[in-house]
Amino acid sequence: IVSQCALDALSQQIDEALASSHNSSIPLQDTEKAVDAIRAL
């Protein structure tokens, strides 16, 4: 869903992210899960 880094590794992390063939990450679905729980309630 995310990657982590400290400031001294940020340049390399940006290069890797921009060079990656994947255009997106897996998004969180927290809001949808909360809505489902309220509807069930």
PDB file of all heavy atoms in Angstrom:
ATOM      1  N   ILE A   1       0.837  -1.202   0.000  1.00  0.00           N
ATOM      2  CA  ILE A   1       0.000   0.000   0.000  1.00  0.00           C
ATOM      3  C   ILE A   1       0.869   1.248   0.000  1.00  0.00           C
ATOM      4  O   ILE A   1       0.565   2.233  -0.688  1.00  0.00           O
ATOM      5  CB  ILE A   1      -0.945  -0.010   1.221  1.00  0.00           C
ATOM      6  CG1 ILE A   1      -1.864  -1.243   1.160  1.00  0.00           C
ATOM      7  CG2 ILE A   1      -1.777   1.266   1.284  1.00  0.00           C
ATOM      8  CD1 ILE A   1      -2.630  -1.504   2.442  1.00  0.00           C
ATOM      9  N   VAL A   2       1.954   1.249   0.769  1.00  0.00           N
ATOM     10  CA  VAL A   2       2.914   2.356   0.817  1.00  0.00           C
ATOM     11  C   VAL A   2       4.317   1.779   0.871  1.00  0.00           C
ATOM     12  O   VAL A   2       4.513   0.570   1.050  1.00  0.00           O
ATOM     13  CB  VAL A   2       2.693   3.260   2.066  1.00  0.00           C
ATOM     14  CG1 VAL A   2       1.263   3.773   2.146  1.00  0.00           C
ATOM     15  CG2 VAL A   2       3.074   2.522   3.348  1.00  0.00           C
ATOM     16  N   SER A   3       5.310   2.657   0.727  1.00  0.00           N
ATOM     17  CA  SER A   3       6.693   2.323   1.057  1.00  0.00           C
ATOM     18  C   SER A   3       7.174   3.347   2.078  1.00  0.00           C
ATOM     19  O   SER A   3       6.603   4.442   2.185  1.00  0.00           O
ATOM     20  CB  SER A   3       7.584   2.320  -0.183  1.00  0.00           C
ATOM     21  OG  SER A   3       7.550   3.586  -0.816  1.00  0.00           O
ATOM     22  N   GLN A   4       8.198   3.006   2.825  1.00  0.00           N
ATOM     23  CA  GLN A   4       8.728   3.888   3.853  1.00  0.00           C
ATOM     24  C   GLN A   4      10.196   4.192   3.582  1.00  0.00           C
ATOM     25  O   GLN A   4      10.921   3.352   3.061  1.00  0.00           O
ATOM     26  CB  GLN A   4       8.641   3.234   5.238  1.00  0.00           C
ATOM     27  CG  GLN A   4       7.262   2.977   5.762  1.00  0.00           C
ATOM     28  CD  GLN A   4       7.327   2.437   7.186  1.00  0.00           C
ATOM     29  OE1 GLN A   4       7.408   3.200   8.151  1.00  0.00           O
ATOM     30  NE2 GLN A   4       7.306   1.129   7.326  1.00  0.00           N
ATOM     31  N   CYS A   5      10.630   5.384   3.978  1.00  0.00           N
ATOM     32  CA  CYS A   5      12.053   5.687   3.932  1.00  0.00           C
ATOM     33  C   CYS A   5      12.361   6.899   4.804  1.00  0.00           C
ATOM     34  O   CYS A   5      11.467   7.673   5.150  1.00  0.00           O
ATOM     35  CB  CYS A   5      12.541   5.914   2.502  1.00  0.00           C
ATOM     36  SG  CYS A   5      12.106   7.496   1.786  1.00  0.00           S
ATOM     37  N   ALA A   6      13.629   7.037   5.144  1.00  0.00           N
ATOM     38  CA  ALA A   6      14.116   8.227   5.828  1.00  0.00           C
ATOM     39  C   ALA A   6      14.583   9.226   4.776  1.00  0.00           C
ATOM     40  O   ALA A   6      14.691   8.907   3.588  1.00  0.00           O
ATOM     41  CB  ALA A   6      15.255   7.868   6.775  1.00  0.00           C
ATOM     42  N   LEU A   7      14.883  10.431   5.215  1.00  0.00           N
ATOM     43  CA  LEU A   7      15.213  11.508   4.284  1.00  0.00           C
ATOM     44  C   LEU A   7      16.468  11.195   3.457  1.00  0.00           C
ATOM     45  O   LEU A   7      16.531  11.533   2.268  1.00  0.00           O
ATOM     46  CB  LEU A   7      15.411  12.814   5.060  1.00  0.00           C
ATOM     47  CG  LEU A   7      15.390  14.122   4.276  1.00  0.00           C
ATOM     48  CD1 LEU A   7      14.143  14.237   3.411  1.00  0.00           C
ATOM     49  CD2 LEU A   7      15.463  15.305   5.234  1.00  0.00           C
ATOM     50  N   ASP A   8      17.442  10.517   4.059  1.00  0.00           N
ATOM     51  CA  ASP A   8      18.681  10.247   3.322  1.00  0.00           C
ATOM     52  C   ASP A   8      18.505   9.212   2.217  1.00  0.00           C
ATOM     53  O   ASP A   8      19.375   9.071   1.348  1.00  0.00           O
ATOM     54  CB  ASP A   8      19.797   9.808   4.286  1.00  0.00           C
ATOM     55  CG  ASP A   8      19.415   8.582   5.119  1.00  0.00           C
ATOM     56  OD1 ASP A   8      18.321   8.028   4.901  1.00  0.00           O
ATOM     57  OD2 ASP A   8      20.213   8.188   5.986  1.00  0.00           O
ATOM     58  N   ALA A   9      17.387   8.491   2.217  1.00  0.00           N
ATOM     59  CA  ALA A   9      17.129   7.513   1.158  1.00  0.00           C
ATOM     60  C   ALA A   9      16.023   7.965   0.203  1.00  0.00           C
ATOM     61  O   ALA A   9      15.617   7.205  -0.680  1.00  0.00           O
ATOM     62  CB  ALA A   9      16.744   6.175   1.780  1.00  0.00           C
ATOM     63  N   LEU A  10      15.545   9.198   0.352  1.00  0.00           N
ATOM     64  CA  LEU A  10      14.384   9.648  -0.409  1.00  0.00           C
ATOM     65  C   LEU A  10      14.660   9.723  -1.909  1.00  0.00           C
ATOM     66  O   LEU A  10      13.833   9.306  -2.722  1.00  0.00           O
ATOM     67  CB  LEU A  10      13.908  11.008   0.108  1.00  0.00           C
ATOM     68  CG  LEU A  10      12.673  11.589  -0.591  1.00  0.00           C
ATOM     69  CD1 LEU A  10      11.484  10.646  -0.482  1.00  0.00           C
ATOM     70  CD2 LEU A  10      12.315  12.961  -0.012  1.00  0.00           C
ATOM     71  N   SER A  11      15.829  10.250  -2.299  1.00  0.00           N
ATOM     72  CA  SER A  11      16.135  10.379  -3.731  1.00  0.00           C
ATOM     73  C   SER A  11      16.063   9.036  -4.435  1.00  0.00           C
ATOM     74  O   SER A  11      15.452   8.910  -5.515  1.00  0.00           O
ATOM     75  CB  SER A  11      17.531  10.993  -3.914  1.00  0.00           C
ATOM     76  OG  SER A  11      17.550  12.318  -3.472  1.00  0.00           O
ATOM     77  N   GLN A  12      16.687   8.034  -3.842  1.00  0.00           N
ATOM     78  CA  GLN A  12      16.664   6.700  -4.438  1.00  0.00           C
ATOM     79  C   GLN A  12      15.254   6.126  -4.477  1.00  0.00           C
ATOM     80  O   GLN A  12      14.846   5.510  -5.463  1.00  0.00           O
ATOM     81  CB  GLN A  12      17.582   5.763  -3.653  1.00  0.00           C
ATOM     82  CG  GLN A  12      17.616   4.334  -4.210  1.00  0.00           C
ATOM     83  CD  GLN A  12      18.528   3.418  -3.400  1.00  0.00           C
ATOM     84  OE1 GLN A  12      19.290   3.879  -2.556  1.00  0.00           O
ATOM     85  NE2 GLN A  12      18.440   2.120  -3.655  1.00  0.00           N
ATOM     86  N   GLN A  13      14.489   6.374  -3.416  1.00  0.00           N
ATOM     87  CA  GLN A  13      13.120   5.849  -3.357  1.00  0.00           C
ATOM     88  C   GLN A  13      12.254   6.487  -4.446  1.00  0.00           C
ATOM     89  O   GLN A  13      11.422   5.823  -5.060  1.00  0.00           O
ATOM     90  CB  GLN A  13      12.531   6.127  -1.976  1.00  0.00           C
ATOM     91  CG  GLN A  13      11.288   5.328  -1.641  1.00  0.00           C
ATOM     92  CD  GLN A  13      11.623   3.938  -1.129  1.00  0.00           C
ATOM     93  OE1 GLN A  13      12.765   3.618  -0.912  1.00  0.00           O
ATOM     94  NE2 GLN A  13      10.611   3.102  -0.966  1.00  0.00           N
ATOM     95  N   ILE A  14      12.450   7.775  -4.684  1.00  0.00           N
ATOM     96  CA  ILE A  14      11.697   8.462  -5.738  1.00  0.00           C
ATOM     97  C   ILE A  14      12.063   7.893  -7.099  1.00  0.00           C
ATOM     98  O   ILE A  14      11.189   7.624  -7.943  1.00  0.00           O
ATOM     99  CB  ILE A  14      11.955   9.985  -5.681  1.00  0.00           C
ATOM    100  CG1 ILE A  14      11.328  10.581  -4.423  1.00  0.00           C
ATOM    101  CG2 ILE A  14      11.394  10.666  -6.930  1.00  0.00           C
ATOM    102  CD1 ILE A  14      11.675  12.043  -4.208  1.00  0.00           C
ATOM    103  N   ASP A  15      13.359   7.711  -7.348  1.00  0.00           N
ATOM    104  CA  ASP A  15      13.806   7.143  -8.627  1.00  0.00           C
ATOM    105  C   ASP A  15      13.164   5.785  -8.871  1.00  0.00           C
ATOM    106  O   ASP A  15      12.687   5.497  -9.980  1.00  0.00           O
ATOM    107  CB  ASP A  15      15.331   7.009  -8.638  1.00  0.00           C
ATOM    108  CG  ASP A  15      16.037   8.356  -8.736  1.00  0.00           C
ATOM    109  OD1 ASP A  15      15.389   9.329  -9.173  1.00  0.00           O
ATOM    110  OD2 ASP A  15      17.226   8.431  -8.380  1.00  0.00           O
ATOM    111  N   GLU A  16      13.150   4.945  -7.841  1.00  0.00           N
ATOM    112  CA  GLU A  16      12.581   3.611  -7.981  1.00  0.00           C
ATOM    113  C   GLU A  16      11.072   3.666  -8.224  1.00  0.00           C
ATOM    114  O   GLU A  16      10.535   2.903  -9.041  1.00  0.00           O
ATOM    115  CB  GLU A  16      12.878   2.785  -6.732  1.00  0.00           C
ATOM    116  CG  GLU A  16      14.357   2.437  -6.564  1.00  0.00           C
ATOM    117  CD  GLU A  16      14.637   1.721  -5.259  1.00  0.00           C
ATOM    118  OE1 GLU A  16      13.684   1.518  -4.464  1.00  0.00           O
ATOM    119  OE2 GLU A  16      15.815   1.373  -5.022  1.00  0.00           O
ATOM    120  N   ALA A  17      10.397   4.571  -7.536  1.00  0.00           N
ATOM    121  CA  ALA A  17       8.942   4.685  -7.698  1.00  0.00           C
ATOM    122  C   ALA A  17       8.580   5.168  -9.100  1.00  0.00           C
ATOM    123  O   ALA A  17       7.652   4.642  -9.730  1.00  0.00           O
ATOM    124  CB  ALA A  17       8.372   5.629  -6.654  1.00  0.00           C
ATOM    125  N   LEU A  18       9.308   6.161  -9.593  1.00  0.00           N
ATOM    126  CA  LEU A  18       9.009   6.703 -10.920  1.00  0.00           C
ATOM    127  C   LEU A  18       9.388   5.733 -12.032  1.00  0.00           C
ATOM    128  O   LEU A  18       8.789   5.740 -13.111  1.00  0.00           O
ATOM    129  CB  LEU A  18       9.734   8.034 -11.116  1.00  0.00           C
ATOM    130  CG  LEU A  18       9.277   9.189 -10.216  1.00  0.00           C
ATOM    131  CD1 LEU A  18      10.110  10.430 -10.465  1.00  0.00           C
ATOM    132  CD2 LEU A  18       7.793   9.493 -10.421  1.00  0.00           C
ATOM    133  N   ALA A  19      10.396   4.904 -11.778  1.00  0.00           N
ATOM    134  CA  ALA A  19      10.848   3.953 -12.783  1.00  0.00           C
ATOM    135  C   ALA A  19      10.009   2.676 -12.803  1.00  0.00           C
ATOM    136  O   ALA A  19      10.066   1.899 -13.764  1.00  0.00           O
ATOM    137  CB  ALA A  19      12.314   3.586 -12.544  1.00  0.00           C
ATOM    138  N   SER A  20       9.232   2.451 -11.746  1.00  0.00           N
ATOM    139  CA  SER A  20       8.444   1.230 -11.642  1.00  0.00           C
ATOM    140  C   SER A  20       7.397   1.160 -12.750  1.00  0.00           C
ATOM    141  O   SER A  20       6.796   2.168 -13.137  1.00  0.00           O
ATOM    142  CB  SER A  20       7.758   1.165 -10.274  1.00  0.00           C
ATOM    143  OG  SER A  20       6.840   0.102 -10.228  1.00  0.00           O
ATOM    144  N   SER A  21       7.180  -0.045 -13.235  1.00  0.00           N
ATOM    145  CA  SER A  21       6.174  -0.236 -14.285  1.00  0.00           C
ATOM    146  C   SER A  21       4.753  -0.176 -13.736  1.00  0.00           C
ATOM    147  O   SER A  21       3.796  -0.033 -14.491  1.00  0.00           O
ATOM    148  CB  SER A  21       6.396  -1.591 -14.972  1.00  0.00           C
ATOM    149  OG  SER A  21       6.322  -2.657 -14.019  1.00  0.00           O
ATOM    150  N   HIS A  22       4.632  -0.307 -12.413  1.00  0.00           N
ATOM    151  CA  HIS A  22       3.300  -0.225 -11.797  1.00  0.00           C
ATOM    152  C   HIS A  22       2.908   1.237 -11.645  1.00  0.00           C
ATOM    153  O   HIS A  22       3.642   2.041 -11.078  1.00  0.00           O
ATOM    154  CB  HIS A  22       3.301  -0.909 -10.432  1.00  0.00           C
ATOM    155  CG  HIS A  22       3.597  -2.378 -10.505  1.00  0.00           C
ATOM    156  ND1 HIS A  22       2.694  -3.288 -10.984  1.00  0.00           N
ATOM    157  CD2 HIS A  22       4.713  -3.083 -10.170  1.00  0.00           C
ATOM    158  CE1 HIS A  22       3.225  -4.507 -10.950  1.00  0.00           C
ATOM    159  NE2 HIS A  22       4.450  -4.405 -10.459  1.00  0.00           N
ATOM    160  N   ASN A  23       1.746   1.596 -12.143  1.00  0.00           N
ATOM    161  CA  ASN A  23       1.307   2.985 -12.115  1.00  0.00           C
ATOM    162  C   ASN A  23       0.611   3.381 -10.819  1.00  0.00           C
ATOM    163  O   ASN A  23       0.359   4.557 -10.587  1.00  0.00           O
ATOM    164  CB  ASN A  23       0.350   3.255 -13.294  1.00  0.00           C
ATOM    165  CG  ASN A  23       1.063   3.137 -14.626  1.00  0.00           C
ATOM    166  OD1 ASN A  23       2.225   3.503 -14.741  1.00  0.00           O
ATOM    167  ND2 ASN A  23       0.368   2.602 -15.619  1.00  0.00           N
ATOM    168  N   SER A  24       0.285   2.394  -9.982  1.00  0.00           N
ATOM    169  CA  SER A  24      -0.461   2.717  -8.775  1.00  0.00           C
ATOM    170  C   SER A  24      -0.149   1.710  -7.686  1.00  0.00           C
ATOM    171  O   SER A  24       0.530   0.707  -7.914  1.00  0.00           O
ATOM    172  CB  SER A  24      -1.968   2.724  -9.062  1.00  0.00           C
ATOM    173  OG  SER A  24      -2.384   1.448  -9.506  1.00  0.00           O
ATOM    174  N   SER A  25      -0.642   1.978  -6.486  1.00  0.00           N
ATOM    175  CA  SER A  25      -0.528   1.069  -5.360  1.00  0.00           C
ATOM    176  C   SER A  25      -1.903   0.528  -5.011  1.00  0.00           C
ATOM    177  O   SER A  25      -2.928   0.983  -5.529  1.00  0.00           O
ATOM    178  CB  SER A  25       0.067   1.797  -4.155  1.00  0.00           C
ATOM    179  OG  SER A  25       1.382   2.237  -4.422  1.00  0.00           O
ATOM    180  N   ILE A  26      -1.930  -0.438  -4.126  1.00  0.00           N
ATOM    181  CA  ILE A  26      -3.204  -1.000  -3.668  1.00  0.00           C
ATOM    182  C   ILE A  26      -3.825  -0.021  -2.672  1.00  0.00           C
ATOM    183  O   ILE A  26      -3.232   0.258  -1.632  1.00  0.00           O
ATOM    184  CB  ILE A  26      -2.985  -2.366  -3.008  1.00  0.00           C
ATOM    185  CG1 ILE A  26      -2.376  -3.347  -4.008  1.00  0.00           C
ATOM    186  CG2 ILE A  26      -4.293  -2.909  -2.440  1.00  0.00           C
ATOM    187  CD1 ILE A  26      -1.925  -4.654  -3.400  1.00  0.00           C
ATOM    188  N   PRO A  27      -4.990   0.532  -2.955  1.00  0.00           N
ATOM    189  CA  PRO A  27      -5.565   1.537  -2.048  1.00  0.00           C
ATOM    190  C   PRO A  27      -6.203   0.907  -0.823  1.00  0.00           C
ATOM    191  O   PRO A  27      -6.704  -0.217  -0.859  1.00  0.00           O
ATOM    192  CB  PRO A  27      -6.626   2.231  -2.912  1.00  0.00           C
ATOM    193  CG  PRO A  27      -7.039   1.183  -3.903  1.00  0.00           C
ATOM    194  CD  PRO A  27      -5.812   0.345  -4.170  1.00  0.00           C
ATOM    195  N   LEU A  28      -6.190   1.647   0.282  1.00  0.00           N
ATOM    196  CA  LEU A  28      -6.946   1.234   1.463  1.00  0.00           C
ATOM    197  C   LEU A  28      -8.441   1.226   1.145  1.00  0.00           C
ATOM    198  O   LEU A  28      -8.919   2.032   0.347  1.00  0.00           O
ATOM    199  CB  LEU A  28      -6.686   2.204   2.620  1.00  0.00           C
ATOM    200  CG  LEU A  28      -5.330   2.172   3.315  1.00  0.00           C
ATOM    201  CD1 LEU A  28      -5.283   3.235   4.410  1.00  0.00           C
ATOM    202  CD2 LEU A  28      -5.043   0.803   3.905  1.00  0.00           C
ATOM    203  N   GLN A  29      -9.171   0.350   1.819  1.00  0.00           N
ATOM    204  CA  GLN A  29     -10.625   0.265   1.650  1.00  0.00           C
ATOM    205  C   GLN A  29     -11.332   0.495   2.986  1.00  0.00           C
ATOM    206  O   GLN A  29     -12.397  -0.068   3.242  1.00  0.00           O
ATOM    207  CB  GLN A  29     -10.993  -1.123   1.088  1.00  0.00           C
ATOM    208  CG  GLN A  29     -10.406  -1.417  -0.270  1.00  0.00           C
ATOM    209  CD  GLN A  29     -11.063  -0.595  -1.372  1.00  0.00           C
ATOM    210  OE1 GLN A  29     -12.274  -0.404  -1.373  1.00  0.00           O
ATOM    211  NE2 GLN A  29     -10.279  -0.098  -2.299  1.00  0.00           N
ATOM    212  N   ASP A  30     -10.734   1.336   3.832  1.00  0.00           N
ATOM    213  CA  ASP A  30     -11.263   1.530   5.181  1.00  0.00           C
ATOM    214  C   ASP A  30     -12.650   2.156   5.194  1.00  0.00           C
ATOM    215  O   ASP A  30     -13.512   1.776   5.991  1.00  0.00           O
ATOM    216  CB  ASP A  30     -10.306   2.395   6.004  1.00  0.00           C
ATOM    217  CG  ASP A  30      -9.008   1.677   6.326  1.00  0.00           C
ATOM    218  OD1 ASP A  30      -9.038   0.445   6.454  1.00  0.00           O
ATOM    219  OD2 ASP A  30      -7.971   2.349   6.442  1.00  0.00           O
ATOM    220  N   THR A  31     -12.877   3.124   4.335  1.00  0.00           N
ATOM    221  CA  THR A  31     -14.167   3.813   4.330  1.00  0.00           C
ATOM    222  C   THR A  31     -15.282   2.852   3.928  1.00  0.00           C
ATOM    223  O   THR A  31     -16.352   2.823   4.558  1.00  0.00           O
ATOM    224  CB  THR A  31     -14.135   5.013   3.375  1.00  0.00           C
ATOM    225  OG1 THR A  31     -13.013   5.836   3.691  1.00  0.00           O
ATOM    226  CG2 THR A  31     -15.410   5.832   3.491  1.00  0.00           C
ATOM    227  N   GLU A  32     -15.032   2.053   2.904  1.00  0.00           N
ATOM    228  CA  GLU A  32     -16.019   1.079   2.461  1.00  0.00           C
ATOM    229  C   GLU A  32     -16.330   0.062   3.571  1.00  0.00           C
ATOM    230  O   GLU A  32     -17.493  -0.324   3.766  1.00  0.00           O
ATOM    231  CB  GLU A  32     -15.526   0.358   1.209  1.00  0.00           C
ATOM    232  CG  GLU A  32     -15.461   1.215  -0.047  1.00  0.00           C
ATOM    233  CD  GLU A  32     -14.234   2.119  -0.129  1.00  0.00           C
ATOM    234  OE1 GLU A  32     -13.402   2.098   0.824  1.00  0.00           O
ATOM    235  OE2 GLU A  32     -14.101   2.850  -1.117  1.00  0.00           O
ATOM    236  N   LYS A  33     -15.304  -0.346   4.291  1.00  0.00           N
ATOM    237  CA  LYS A  33     -15.506  -1.308   5.379  1.00  0.00           C
ATOM    238  C   LYS A  33     -16.357  -0.700   6.493  1.00  0.00           C
ATOM    239  O   LYS A  33     -17.236  -1.363   7.052  1.00  0.00           O
ATOM    240  CB  LYS A  33     -14.151  -1.749   5.923  1.00  0.00           C
ATOM    241  CG  LYS A  33     -14.230  -2.936   6.863  1.00  0.00           C
ATOM    242  CD  LYS A  33     -12.854  -3.491   7.186  1.00  0.00           C
ATOM    243  CE  LYS A  33     -12.975  -4.750   8.031  1.00  0.00           C
ATOM    244  NZ  LYS A  33     -11.654  -5.329   8.357  1.00  0.00           N
ATOM    245  N   ALA A  34     -16.107   0.571   6.805  1.00  0.00           N
ATOM    246  CA  ALA A  34     -16.893   1.244   7.834  1.00  0.00           C
ATOM    247  C   ALA A  34     -18.357   1.366   7.412  1.00  0.00           C
ATOM    248  O   ALA A  34     -19.273   1.150   8.218  1.00  0.00           O
ATOM    249  CB  ALA A  34     -16.301   2.622   8.122  1.00  0.00           C
ATOM    250  N   VAL A  35     -18.584   1.702   6.153  1.00  0.00           N
ATOM    251  CA  VAL A  35     -19.950   1.836   5.641  1.00  0.00           C
ATOM    252  C   VAL A  35     -20.685   0.503   5.715  1.00  0.00           C
ATOM    253  O   VAL A  35     -21.853   0.436   6.127  1.00  0.00           O
ATOM    254  CB  VAL A  35     -19.930   2.370   4.192  1.00  0.00           C
ATOM    255  CG1 VAL A  35     -21.304   2.221   3.535  1.00  0.00           C
ATOM    256  CG2 VAL A  35     -19.507   3.832   4.178  1.00  0.00           C
ATOM    257  N   ASP A  36     -20.021  -0.569   5.327  1.00  0.00           N
ATOM    258  CA  ASP A  36     -20.639  -1.893   5.397  1.00  0.00           C
ATOM    259  C   ASP A  36     -21.039  -2.240   6.833  1.00  0.00           C
ATOM    260  O   ASP A  36     -22.104  -2.828   7.075  1.00  0.00           O
ATOM    261  CB  ASP A  36     -19.680  -2.956   4.858  1.00  0.00           C
ATOM    262  CG  ASP A  36     -19.500  -2.881   3.346  1.00  0.00           C
ATOM    263  OD1 ASP A  36     -20.335  -2.230   2.685  1.00  0.00           O
ATOM    264  OD2 ASP A  36     -18.527  -3.470   2.838  1.00  0.00           O
ATOM    265  N   ALA A  37     -20.191  -1.886   7.794  1.00  0.00           N
ATOM    266  CA  ALA A  37     -20.481  -2.179   9.203  1.00  0.00           C
ATOM    267  C   ALA A  37     -21.682  -1.386   9.695  1.00  0.00           C
ATOM    268  O   ALA A  37     -22.516  -1.906  10.458  1.00  0.00           O
ATOM    269  CB  ALA A  37     -19.260  -1.866  10.059  1.00  0.00           C
ATOM    270  N   ILE A  38     -21.815  -0.131   9.269  1.00  0.00           N
ATOM    271  CA  ILE A  38     -22.964   0.687   9.680  1.00  0.00           C
ATOM    272  C   ILE A  38     -24.246   0.144   9.064  1.00  0.00           C
ATOM    273  O   ILE A  38     -25.297   0.043   9.728  1.00  0.00           O
ATOM    274  CB  ILE A  38     -22.747   2.161   9.295  1.00  0.00           C
ATOM    275  CG1 ILE A  38     -21.591   2.766  10.108  1.00  0.00           C
ATOM    276  CG2 ILE A  38     -24.022   2.973   9.515  1.00  0.00           C
ATOM    277  CD1 ILE A  38     -21.207   4.166   9.694  1.00  0.00           C
ATOM    278  N   ARG A  39     -24.184  -0.242   7.791  1.00  0.00           N
ATOM    279  CA  ARG A  39     -25.373  -0.809   7.144  1.00  0.00           C
ATOM    280  C   ARG A  39     -25.810  -2.101   7.830  1.00  0.00           C
ATOM    281  O   ARG A  39     -27.003  -2.343   8.013  1.00  0.00           O
ATOM    282  CB  ARG A  39     -25.085  -1.055   5.666  1.00  0.00           C
ATOM    283  CG  ARG A  39     -25.058   0.226   4.835  1.00  0.00           C
ATOM    284  CD  ARG A  39     -24.664  -0.052   3.408  1.00  0.00           C
ATOM    285  NE  ARG A  39     -24.764   1.155   2.585  1.00  0.00           N
ATOM    286  CZ  ARG A  39     -24.057   1.361   1.486  1.00  0.00           C
ATOM    287  NH1 ARG A  39     -23.189   0.441   1.074  1.00  0.00           N
ATOM    288  NH2 ARG A  39     -24.193   2.475   0.795  1.00  0.00           N
ATOM    289  N   ALA A  40     -24.834  -2.916   8.203  1.00  0.00           N
ATOM    290  CA  ALA A  40     -25.156  -4.162   8.916  1.00  0.00           C
ATOM    291  C   ALA A  40     -25.773  -3.870  10.279  1.00  0.00           C
ATOM    292  O   ALA A  40     -26.695  -4.564  10.727  1.00  0.00           O
ATOM    293  CB  ALA A  40     -23.893  -5.010   9.070  1.00  0.00           C
ATOM    294  N   LEU A  41     -25.298  -2.801  10.925  1.00  0.00           N
ATOM    295  CA  LEU A  41     -25.811  -2.427  12.236  1.00  0.00           C
ATOM    296  C   LEU A  41     -27.295  -2.078  12.202  1.00  0.00           C
ATOM    297  O   LEU A  41     -28.053  -2.415  13.100  1.00  0.00           O
ATOM    298  CB  LEU A  41     -25.000  -1.244  12.788  1.00  0.00           C
ATOM    299  CG  LEU A  41     -25.419  -0.667  14.135  1.00  0.00           C
ATOM    300  CD1 LEU A  41     -25.111  -1.676  15.250  1.00  0.00           C
ATOM    301  CD2 LEU A  41     -24.691   0.657  14.399  1.00  0.00           C
TER     302      LEU A  41
END
